[in-house]
C-alpha atoms as a PDB file:
ATOM      1  CA  MET A   1     -14.837  -7.978  16.027  1.00  0.00           C
ATOM      2  CA  THR A   2     -13.789 -11.178  17.774  1.00  0.00           C
ATOM      3  CA  TRP A   3     -10.194 -12.128  18.510  1.00  0.00           C
ATOM      4  CA  TRP A   4     -10.236 -14.870  15.876  1.00  0.00           C
ATOM      5  CA  GLU A   5     -11.527 -12.451  13.275  1.00  0.00           C
ATOM      6  CA  ALA A   6      -8.717 -10.067  14.231  1.00  0.00           C
ATOM      7  CA  VAL A   7      -6.188 -12.876  13.719  1.00  0.00           C
ATOM      8  CA  ILE A   8      -7.569 -13.666  10.264  1.00  0.00           C
ATOM      9  CA  LEU A   9      -7.677 -10.021   9.180  1.00  0.00           C
ATOM     10  CA  GLY A  10      -4.145  -9.459  10.491  1.00  0.00           C
ATOM     11  CA  LEU A  11      -2.961 -12.398   8.384  1.00  0.00           C
ATOM     12  CA  VAL A  12      -4.793 -10.998   5.366  1.00  0.00           C
ATOM     13  CA  GLN A  13      -3.241  -7.572   5.840  1.00  0.00           C
ATOM     14  CA  GLY A  14       0.271  -8.965   6.234  1.00  0.00           C
ATOM     15  CA  LEU A  15      -0.055 -11.299   3.258  1.00  0.00           C
ATOM     16  CA  THR A  16      -1.532  -8.781   0.821  1.00  0.00           C
ATOM     17  CA  GLU A  17      -0.086  -5.354   1.693  1.00  0.00           C
ATOM     18  CA  PHE A  18       3.048  -5.684  -0.417  1.00  0.00           C
ATOM     19  CA  LEU A  19       1.666  -7.797  -3.235  1.00  0.00           C
ATOM     20  CA  PRO A  20      -0.007  -5.994  -6.182  1.00  0.00           C
ATOM     21  CA  ILE A  21      -3.427  -7.392  -5.265  1.00  0.00           C
ATOM     22  CA  SER A  22      -4.845  -4.706  -2.910  1.00  0.00           C
ATOM     23  CA  SER A  23      -4.844  -5.312   0.834  1.00  0.00           C
ATOM     24  CA  SER A  24      -7.766  -2.902   1.366  1.00  0.00           C
ATOM     25  CA  ALA A  25      -9.907  -4.886  -1.071  1.00  0.00           C
ATOM     26  CA  HIS A  26      -9.059  -8.146   0.690  1.00  0.00           C
ATOM     27  CA  LEU A  27      -9.876  -6.741   4.122  1.00  0.00           C
ATOM     28  CA  ARG A  28     -13.150  -5.384   2.768  1.00  0.00           C
ATOM     29  CA  ILE A  29     -14.114  -8.728   1.200  1.00  0.00           C
ATOM     30  CA  VAL A  30     -12.833 -11.108   3.892  1.00  0.00           C
ATOM     31  CA  GLY A  31     -14.280  -8.947   6.662  1.00  0.00           C
ATOM     32  CA  GLU A  32     -17.775  -9.365   5.271  1.00  0.00           C
ATOM     33  CA  LEU A  33     -17.328 -13.116   4.780  1.00  0.00           C
ATOM     34  CA  LEU A  34     -16.360 -13.674   8.426  1.00  0.00           C
ATOM     35  CA  PRO A  35     -19.027 -14.684  10.981  1.00  0.00           C
ATOM     36  CA  GLY A  36     -19.348 -11.086  12.121  1.00  0.00           C
ATOM     37  CA  GLY A  37     -20.251 -10.243   8.539  1.00  0.00           C
ATOM     38  CA  SER A  38     -19.125  -6.614   8.487  1.00  0.00           C
ATOM     39  CA  ASP A  39     -16.685  -4.349   6.694  1.00  0.00           C
ATOM     40  CA  PRO A  40     -13.806  -3.721   9.147  1.00  0.00           C
ATOM     41  CA  GLY A  41     -13.702  -0.168   7.821  1.00  0.00           C
ATOM     42  CA  ALA A  42     -11.133   2.218   6.390  1.00  0.00           C
ATOM     43  CA  ALA A  43      -9.871   3.119   9.871  1.00  0.00           C
ATOM     44  CA  PHE A  44      -9.095  -0.515  10.734  1.00  0.00           C
ATOM     45  CA  SER A  45      -7.346  -0.988   7.378  1.00  0.00           C
ATOM     46  CA  ALA A  46      -5.225   2.125   7.887  1.00  0.00           C
ATOM     47  CA  ILE A  47      -4.269   1.292  11.477  1.00  0.00           C
ATOM     48  CA  THR A  48      -3.252  -2.297  10.717  1.00  0.00           C
ATOM     49  CA  GLN A  49      -0.987  -0.904   8.006  1.00  0.00           C
ATOM     50  CA  ILE A  50       1.128   0.544  10.822  1.00  0.00           C
ATOM     51  CA  GLY A  51       2.216  -3.055  11.390  1.00  0.00           C
ATOM     52  CA  THR A  52       3.182  -3.705   7.779  1.00  0.00           C
ATOM     53  CA  GLU A  53       4.985  -0.379   7.455  1.00  0.00           C
ATOM     54  CA  ALA A  54       6.900  -1.138  10.647  1.00  0.00           C
ATOM     55  CA  ALA A  55       8.029  -4.310   8.877  1.00  0.00           C
ATOM     56  CA  VAL A  56       9.246  -2.188   5.940  1.00  0.00           C
ATOM     57  CA  ILE A  57      11.190   0.084   8.278  1.00  0.00           C
ATOM     58  CA  LEU A  58      12.793  -2.920   9.973  1.00  0.00           C
ATOM     59  CA  TYR A  59      13.722  -4.634   6.705  1.00  0.00           C
ATOM     60  CA  PHE A  60      15.056  -1.466   5.058  1.00  0.00           C
ATOM     61  CA  ARG A  61      16.420   0.036   8.283  1.00  0.00           C
ATOM     62  CA  ARG A  62      19.902   0.612   6.869  1.00  0.00           C
ATOM     63  CA  ASP A  63      18.496   2.276   3.747  1.00  0.00           C
ATOM     64  CA  PHE A  64      16.215   4.547   5.764  1.00  0.00           C
ATOM     65  CA  ALA A  65      18.969   5.444   8.232  1.00  0.00           C
ATOM     66  CA  ARG A  66      21.292   6.353   5.384  1.00  0.00           C
ATOM     67  CA  ILE A  67      18.651   8.306   3.445  1.00  0.00           C
ATOM     68  CA  VAL A  68      17.484  10.300   6.476  1.00  0.00           C
ATOM     69  CA  SER A  69      21.040  11.029   7.586  1.00  0.00           C
ATOM     70  CA  ARG A  70      22.233  12.176   4.169  1.00  0.00           C
ATOM     71  CA  TRP A  71      19.073  14.198   3.579  1.00  0.00           C
ATOM     72  CA  PHE A  72      19.636  16.185   6.779  1.00  0.00           C
ATOM     73  CA  GLN A  73      23.316  16.651   5.990  1.00  0.00           C
ATOM     74  CA  ALA A  74      22.460  18.074   2.564  1.00  0.00           C
ATOM     75  CA  LEU A  75      20.119  20.749   3.940  1.00  0.00           C
ATOM     76  CA  PRO A  76      21.338  24.364   3.536  1.00  0.00           C
ATOM     77  CA  VAL A  77      20.392  25.173   7.148  1.00  0.00           C
ATOM     78  CA  GLY A  78      20.785  23.504  10.530  1.00  0.00           C
ATOM     79  CA  PRO A  79      23.706  22.062  12.462  1.00  0.00           C
ATOM     80  CA  TRP A  80      24.551  19.594   9.656  1.00  0.00           C
ATOM     81  CA  LYS A  81      24.127  22.018   6.748  1.00  0.00           C
ATOM     82  CA  ASN A  82      25.952  21.273   3.521  1.00  0.00           C
ATOM     83  CA  ARG A  83      27.959  18.369   4.944  1.00  0.00           C
ATOM     84  CA  VAL A  84      27.106  16.445   1.797  1.00  0.00           C
ATOM     85  CA  PRO A  85      26.236  17.829  -1.656  1.00  0.00           C
ATOM     86  CA  THR A  86      22.590  18.100  -2.681  1.00  0.00           C
ATOM     87  CA  SER A  87      23.439  15.816  -5.590  1.00  0.00           C
ATOM     88  CA  ASP A  88      24.136  12.952  -3.184  1.00  0.00           C
ATOM     89  CA  PRO A  89      21.954   9.986  -4.295  1.00  0.00           C
ATOM     90  CA  ASP A  90      20.600   9.284  -0.795  1.00  0.00           C
ATOM     91  CA  ALA A  91      19.853  12.984  -0.168  1.00  0.00           C
ATOM     92  CA  ARG A  92      17.970  13.138  -3.473  1.00  0.00           C
ATOM     93  CA  MET A  93      16.091   9.963  -2.594  1.00  0.00           C
ATOM     94  CA  GLY A  94      14.916  11.650   0.595  1.00  0.00           C
ATOM     95  CA  TRP A  95      13.440  14.501  -1.430  1.00  0.00           C
ATOM     96  CA  TYR A  96      11.910  12.085  -3.943  1.00  0.00           C
ATOM     97  CA  ILE A  97      10.154  10.165  -1.165  1.00  0.00           C
ATOM     98  CA  ILE A  98       8.776  13.431   0.237  1.00  0.00           C
ATOM     99  CA  LEU A  99       7.598  14.622  -3.188  1.00  0.00           C
ATOM    100  CA  GLY A 100       6.084  11.248  -4.031  1.00  0.00           C
ATOM    101  CA  SER A 101       4.139  11.226  -0.760  1.00  0.00           C
ATOM    102  CA  ILE A 102       2.364  14.531  -1.393  1.00  0.00           C
ATOM    103  CA  PRO A 103      -0.326  13.329  -3.854  1.00  0.00           C
ATOM    104  CA  ILE A 104      -1.753  10.598  -1.602  1.00  0.00           C
ATOM    105  CA  VAL A 105      -1.766  12.911   1.426  1.00  0.00           C
ATOM    106  CA  VAL A 106      -3.561  15.745  -0.385  1.00  0.00           C
ATOM    107  CA  LEU A 107      -6.063  13.523  -2.191  1.00  0.00           C
ATOM    108  CA  GLY A 108      -6.640  11.451   0.930  1.00  0.00           C
ATOM    109  CA  LEU A 109      -7.656  14.540   2.891  1.00  0.00           C
ATOM    110  CA  LEU A 110      -9.753  16.005   0.068  1.00  0.00           C
ATOM    111  CA  PHE A 111     -11.738  12.819  -0.533  1.00  0.00           C
ATOM    112  CA  GLN A 112     -11.779  11.380   2.969  1.00  0.00           C
ATOM    113  CA  ASP A 113     -15.565  10.863   3.131  1.00  0.00           C
ATOM    114  CA  ALA A 114     -15.676   9.103  -0.234  1.00  0.00           C
ATOM    115  CA  ILE A 115     -12.708   6.921   0.703  1.00  0.00           C
ATOM    116  CA  GLU A 116     -14.389   5.794   3.922  1.00  0.00           C
ATOM    117  CA  HIS A 117     -17.790   5.149   2.332  1.00  0.00           C
ATOM    118  CA  ALA A 118     -18.699   5.404  -1.382  1.00  0.00           C
ATOM    119  CA  LEU A 119     -15.392   4.112  -2.753  1.00  0.00           C
ATOM    120  CA  ARG A 120     -15.749   0.943  -0.671  1.00  0.00           C
ATOM    121  CA  ASN A 121     -18.544  -0.280  -2.964  1.00  0.00           C
ATOM    122  CA  LEU A 122     -17.642  -3.851  -3.872  1.00  0.00           C
ATOM    123  CA  TYR A 123     -18.838  -3.477  -7.464  1.00  0.00           C
ATOM    124  CA  LEU A 124     -16.281  -0.708  -7.852  1.00  0.00           C
ATOM    125  CA  THR A 125     -13.697  -2.873  -6.095  1.00  0.00           C
ATOM    126  CA  ALA A 126     -14.295  -5.727  -8.541  1.00  0.00           C
ATOM    127  CA  LEU A 127     -14.064  -3.350 -11.498  1.00  0.00           C
ATOM    128  CA  VAL A 128     -10.734  -1.849 -10.481  1.00  0.00           C
ATOM    129  CA  LEU A 129      -9.322  -5.253  -9.511  1.00  0.00           C
ATOM    130  CA  ALA A 130      -9.903  -6.423 -13.082  1.00  0.00           C
ATOM    131  CA  LEU A 131      -8.975  -3.150 -14.791  1.00  0.00           C
ATOM    132  CA  PHE A 132      -5.663  -2.712 -13.009  1.00  0.00           C
ATOM    133  CA  ALA A 133      -4.873  -6.393 -13.464  1.00  0.00           C
ATOM    134  CA  LEU A 134      -4.915  -5.800 -17.212  1.00  0.00           C
ATOM    135  CA  ILE A 135      -2.863  -2.604 -16.884  1.00  0.00           C
ATOM    136  CA  LEU A 136      -0.282  -4.359 -14.683  1.00  0.00           C
ATOM    137  CA  GLY A 137      -0.038  -7.258 -17.134  1.00  0.00           C
ATOM    138  CA  TRP A 138       0.381  -4.897 -20.083  1.00  0.00           C
ATOM    139  CA  ALA A 139       3.018  -2.841 -18.264  1.00  0.00           C
ATOM    140  CA  ASP A 140       4.964  -5.961 -17.300  1.00  0.00           C
ATOM    141  CA  VAL A 141       5.063  -7.086 -20.928  1.00  0.00           C
ATOM    142  CA  ARG A 142       5.675  -3.710 -22.571  1.00  0.00           C
ATOM    143  CA  GLY A 143       7.916  -2.044 -19.994  1.00  0.00           C
ATOM    144  CA  ALA A 144      11.598  -1.727 -20.912  1.00  0.00           C
ATOM    145  CA  LYS A 145      12.623  -2.908 -17.417  1.00  0.00           C
ATOM    146  CA  SER A 146      16.072  -1.368 -17.835  1.00  0.00           C
ATOM    147  CA  ARG A 147      16.191   1.709 -15.557  1.00  0.00           C
ATOM    148  CA  PRO A 148      17.787   1.220 -12.119  1.00  0.00           C
ATOM    149  CA  LEU A 149      16.406   3.040  -9.099  1.00  0.00           C
ATOM    150  CA  GLU A 150      19.490   5.296  -9.108  1.00  0.00           C
ATOM    151  CA  SER A 151      18.161   6.962 -12.281  1.00  0.00           C
ATOM    152  CA  LEU A 152      14.991   8.187 -10.530  1.00  0.00           C
ATOM    153  CA  THR A 153      14.108  11.794 -11.411  1.00  0.00           C
ATOM    154  CA  MET A 154      11.868  14.427  -9.826  1.00  0.00           C
ATOM    155  CA  LYS A 155       9.277  13.991 -12.580  1.00  0.00           C
ATOM    156  CA  HIS A 156       9.186  10.245 -12.080  1.00  0.00           C
ATOM    157  CA  ALA A 157       8.927  10.688  -8.304  1.00  0.00           C
ATOM    158  CA  TRP A 158       5.764  12.729  -8.872  1.00  0.00           C
ATOM    159  CA  LEU A 159       4.351  10.137 -11.258  1.00  0.00           C
ATOM    160  CA  PHE A 160       5.083   7.356  -8.778  1.00  0.00           C
ATOM    161  CA  GLY A 161       3.297   9.432  -6.140  1.00  0.00           C
ATOM    162  CA  PHE A 162       0.147   9.897  -8.203  1.00  0.00           C
ATOM    163  CA  ALA A 163       0.138   6.181  -9.015  1.00  0.00           C
ATOM    164  CA  GLN A 164       0.337   5.428  -5.301  1.00  0.00           C
ATOM    165  CA  ALA A 165      -2.601   7.780  -4.651  1.00  0.00           C
ATOM    166  CA  LEU A 166      -4.822   5.628  -6.884  1.00  0.00           C
ATOM    167  CA  ALA A 167      -4.754   3.055  -4.080  1.00  0.00           C
ATOM    168  CA  LEU A 168      -7.170   5.243  -2.128  1.00  0.00           C
ATOM    169  CA  VAL A 169      -9.730   3.246  -4.118  1.00  0.00           C
ATOM    170  CA  PRO A 170      -9.881  -0.319  -2.703  1.00  0.00           C
ATOM    171  CA  GLY A 171      -8.906  -2.757  -5.425  1.00  0.00           C
ATOM    172  CA  VAL A 172      -6.241  -0.658  -7.110  1.00  0.00           C
ATOM    173  CA  SER A 173      -3.384  -1.709  -4.780  1.00  0.00           C
ATOM    174  CA  ARG A 174      -0.781   0.776  -3.604  1.00  0.00           C
ATOM    175  CA  SER A 175       2.115  -1.467  -4.546  1.00  0.00           C
ATOM    176  CA  GLY A 176       0.344  -2.458  -7.765  1.00  0.00           C
ATOM    177  CA  GLY A 177      -0.143   1.169  -8.774  1.00  0.00           C
ATOM    178  CA  THR A 178       3.436   2.216  -8.077  1.00  0.00           C
ATOM    179  CA  ILE A 179       4.960  -0.906  -9.608  1.00  0.00           C
ATOM    180  CA  THR A 180       2.829  -0.516 -12.744  1.00  0.00           C
ATOM    181  CA  ALA A 181       3.901   3.113 -13.064  1.00  0.00           C
ATOM    182  CA  GLY A 182       7.526   2.106 -12.605  1.00  0.00           C
ATOM    183  CA  LEU A 183       7.318  -0.558 -15.297  1.00  0.00           C
ATOM    184  CA  LEU A 184       5.679   1.876 -17.731  1.00  0.00           C
ATOM    185  CA  MET A 185       8.495   4.360 -17.073  1.00  0.00           C
ATOM    186  CA  GLY A 186      11.062   1.693 -17.889  1.00  0.00           C
ATOM    187  CA  TYR A 187      12.265   0.725 -14.405  1.00  0.00           C
ATOM    188  CA  THR A 188      13.260  -2.817 -13.577  1.00  0.00           C
ATOM    189  CA  ARG A 189      10.860  -4.929 -11.543  1.00  0.00           C
ATOM    190  CA  GLU A 190      13.235  -4.814  -8.586  1.00  0.00           C
ATOM    191  CA  ALA A 191      13.649  -1.020  -8.782  1.00  0.00           C
ATOM    192  CA  ALA A 192       9.892  -0.415  -9.021  1.00  0.00           C
ATOM    193  CA  ALA A 193       9.186  -2.762  -6.103  1.00  0.00           C
ATOM    194  CA  ARG A 194      11.954  -1.295  -3.946  1.00  0.00           C
ATOM    195  CA  TYR A 195      10.800   2.295  -4.472  1.00  0.00           C
ATOM    196  CA  SER A 196       7.237   1.175  -3.791  1.00  0.00           C
ATOM    197  CA  PHE A 197       8.368  -0.005  -0.340  1.00  0.00           C
ATOM    198  CA  LEU A 198      10.304   3.191   0.427  1.00  0.00           C
ATOM    199  CA  LEU A 199       7.568   5.510  -0.851  1.00  0.00           C
ATOM    200  CA  ALA A 200       4.847   3.840   1.191  1.00  0.00           C
ATOM    201  CA  VAL A 201       6.257   4.518   4.631  1.00  0.00           C
ATOM    202  CA  PRO A 202       5.561   8.268   5.161  1.00  0.00           C
ATOM    203  CA  ALA A 203       2.041   8.312   3.691  1.00  0.00           C
ATOM    204  CA  VAL A 204       0.772   4.923   4.852  1.00  0.00           C
ATOM    205  CA  LEU A 205       2.302   5.187   8.313  1.00  0.00           C
ATOM    206  CA  GLY A 206       0.978   8.738   8.591  1.00  0.00           C
ATOM    207  CA  SER A 207      -2.502   7.621   7.549  1.00  0.00           C
ATOM    208  CA  GLY A 208      -2.506   4.847  10.147  1.00  0.00           C
ATOM    209  CA  LEU A 209      -1.364   7.156  12.933  1.00  0.00           C
ATOM    210  CA  TYR A 210      -3.945   9.748  11.868  1.00  0.00           C
ATOM    211  CA  GLN A 211      -6.754   7.187  12.065  1.00  0.00           C
ATOM    212  CA  LEU A 212      -5.434   5.952  15.401  1.00  0.00           C
ATOM    213  CA  VAL A 213      -5.508   9.476  16.842  1.00  0.00           C
ATOM    214  CA  LYS A 214      -8.873  10.185  15.213  1.00  0.00           C
ATOM    215  CA  SER A 215     -10.346   7.108  16.917  1.00  0.00           C
ATOM    216  CA  GLY A 216      -9.069   8.345  20.252  1.00  0.00           C
ATOM    217  CA  GLY A 217      -6.619   5.454  20.458  1.00  0.00           C
ATOM    218  CA  THR A 218      -9.437   2.890  20.462  1.00  0.00           C
ATOM    219  CA  GLY A 219      -8.754   1.525  16.986  1.00  0.00           C
ATOM    220  CA  GLY A 220     -12.191   2.478  15.683  1.00  0.00           C
ATOM    221  CA  ALA A 221     -15.262   0.272  15.594  1.00  0.00           C
ATOM    222  CA  ALA A 222     -13.201  -2.926  15.848  1.00  0.00           C
ATOM    223  CA  GLY A 223     -11.913  -1.956  19.288  1.00  0.00           C
ATOM    224  CA  PHE A 224      -8.375  -1.457  20.589  1.00  0.00           C
ATOM    225  CA  GLY A 225      -7.575  -5.079  21.482  1.00  0.00           C
ATOM    226  CA  PRO A 226      -8.525  -6.777  18.191  1.00  0.00           C
ATOM    227  CA  THR A 227      -7.000  -3.930  16.160  1.00  0.00           C
ATOM    228  CA  ALA A 228      -3.725  -4.139  18.098  1.00  0.00           C
ATOM    229  CA  LEU A 229      -3.601  -7.918  17.648  1.00  0.00           C
ATOM    230  CA  ALA A 230      -4.266  -7.646  13.910  1.00  0.00           C
ATOM    231  CA  THR A 231      -1.563  -4.975  13.603  1.00  0.00           C
ATOM    232  CA  LEU A 232       0.998  -7.145  15.397  1.00  0.00           C
ATOM    233  CA  ILE A 233       0.216 -10.152  13.202  1.00  0.00           C
ATOM    234  CA  ALA A 234       0.389  -7.948  10.085  1.00  0.00           C
ATOM    235  CA  PHE A 235       3.873  -6.840  11.162  1.00  0.00           C
ATOM    236  CA  VAL A 236       5.231 -10.385  11.567  1.00  0.00           C
ATOM    237  CA  VAL A 237       3.630 -11.792   8.410  1.00  0.00           C
ATOM    238  CA  GLY A 238       4.437  -8.673   6.402  1.00  0.00           C
ATOM    239  CA  TYR A 239       8.149  -8.946   7.188  1.00  0.00           C
ATOM    240  CA  VAL A 240       8.243 -12.488   5.800  1.00  0.00           C
ATOM    241  CA  VAL A 241       6.299 -11.427   2.705  1.00  0.00           C
ATOM    242  CA  ILE A 242       8.786  -8.625   1.953  1.00  0.00           C
ATOM    243  CA  ILE A 243      11.642 -11.128   1.825  1.00  0.00           C
ATOM    244  CA  ALA A 244       9.713 -13.527  -0.406  1.00  0.00           C
ATOM    245  CA  PHE A 245       8.301 -10.848  -2.714  1.00  0.00           C
ATOM    246  CA  LEU A 246      11.671  -9.251  -3.489  1.00  0.00           C
ATOM    247  CA  LYS A 247      13.015 -12.682  -4.421  1.00  0.00           C
ATOM    248  CA  ILE A 248       9.991 -13.435  -6.579  1.00  0.00           C
ATOM    249  CA  VAL A 249      10.095 -10.206  -8.612  1.00  0.00           C
ATOM    250  CA  SER A 250      13.785 -10.665  -9.369  1.00  0.00           C
ATOM    251  CA  THR A 251      13.017 -14.001 -11.044  1.00  0.00           C
ATOM    252  CA  TYR A 252       9.421 -14.137 -12.244  1.00  0.00           C
ATOM    253  CA  SER A 253       6.904 -11.910 -13.999  1.00  0.00           C
ATOM    254  CA  TYR A 254       3.757 -10.426 -12.458  1.00  0.00           C
ATOM    255  CA  LYS A 255       1.533 -12.711 -14.533  1.00  0.00           C
ATOM    256  CA  PRO A 256       0.334 -14.824 -11.548  1.00  0.00           C
ATOM    257  CA  PHE A 257      -0.856 -11.659  -9.783  1.00  0.00           C
ATOM    258  CA  VAL A 258      -2.693 -10.571 -12.922  1.00  0.00           C
ATOM    259  CA  TYR A 259      -4.570 -13.869 -13.086  1.00  0.00           C
ATOM    260  CA  TYR A 260      -5.281 -13.775  -9.356  1.00  0.00           C
ATOM    261  CA  ARG A 261      -6.760 -10.279  -9.570  1.00  0.00           C
ATOM    262  CA  LEU A 262      -8.995 -11.250 -12.492  1.00  0.00           C
ATOM    263  CA  GLY A 263     -10.166 -14.378 -10.682  1.00  0.00           C
ATOM    264  CA  LEU A 264     -10.876 -12.462  -7.480  1.00  0.00           C
ATOM    265  CA  ALA A 265     -12.809  -9.801  -9.386  1.00  0.00           C
ATOM    266  CA  ALA A 266     -14.993 -12.473 -10.991  1.00  0.00           C
ATOM    267  CA  LEU A 267     -15.565 -14.183  -7.625  1.00  0.00           C
ATOM    268  CA  VAL A 268     -16.601 -10.913  -5.982  1.00  0.00           C
ATOM    269  CA  VAL A 269     -19.147 -10.229  -8.732  1.00  0.00           C
ATOM    270  CA  VAL A 270     -20.613 -13.734  -8.358  1.00  0.00           C
ATOM    271  CA  LEU A 271     -20.865 -13.359  -4.570  1.00  0.00           C
ATOM    272  CA  LEU A 272     -22.548  -9.986  -5.017  1.00  0.00           C
ATOM    273  CA  VAL A 273     -25.056 -11.343  -7.520  1.00  0.00           C
ATOM    274  CA  VAL A 274     -26.070 -14.278  -5.289  1.00  0.00           C
ATOM    275  CA  GLY A 275     -26.286 -12.023  -2.238  1.00  0.00           C
ATOM    276  CA  VAL A 276     -23.424 -13.431  -0.186  1.00  0.00           C
ATOM    277  CA  LEU A 277     -21.748 -10.018  -0.285  1.00  0.00           C
ATOM    278  CA  GLN A 278     -23.430  -6.629  -0.131  1.00  0.00           C
ATOM    279  CA  PRO A 279     -22.133  -3.730  -2.266  1.00  0.00           C
ATOM    280  CA  LEU A 280     -21.954  -1.405   0.721  1.00  0.00           C
ATOM    281  CA  PRO A 281     -22.053  -2.203   4.449  1.00  0.00           C
ATOM    282  CA  PRO A 282     -25.134  -1.009   6.351  1.00  0.00           C
ATOM    283  CA  THR A 283     -24.877   2.500   7.790  1.00  0.00           C
ATOM    284  CA  GLY A 284     -25.762   3.662  11.243  1.00  0.00           C
END
């Protein structure tokens, strides 16, 4: 991977991570369209997400500080035990984030080989881009959009978590899956988007750090330098996107993202048919 390709992929990661359009699908597609003509790989995608999740932590730093603090103070053991009741909203949110993170961690480990290879088939990517576009559009129209995030329950935390786990398949979109689930459960657009941000940090950051350690700190096939540059760019761009996205969802529907996903799915199929894109990158 060249430095310019790293810059482009970092921009792609930062621009698409928080939008319901699948950052992993975009990295997979754009990577193959660049001069190098190769899939940057699941490891590169995961590591660059460290940058975007760092942006989430920075933007929501007061929320995370409060949630972590109250969660510890509500524990029945330790130096801070029972300083706040277990019914405290921030303490409960801490547990809900933990519970919601379990599905993607377990399924990610169980299906690691498929995630890194078979599930990166671009025909499958195009299919799920279109399918989940329709589901997102339907949920945005049919959802009650009345529940605030404060009404989150343990059951809904689990359902959010399983929706997030669907993003292990490129094209689904982690934010798209969680936001769709939230809309179907009656949450407001803002509540679903906000919980999507909070829920992502443990699992996505953990996945990126795992891939970084697994690669021996080299960043995988792309190399340490280009991967680090892409991660830094993803952090800066991602922070700006968070601000814009939260303003957008409080005013507009998700219809533009639905149309975009359908258009991208059609474009990918055309590029596959004419041979510009290959369903799977060469092995070995």
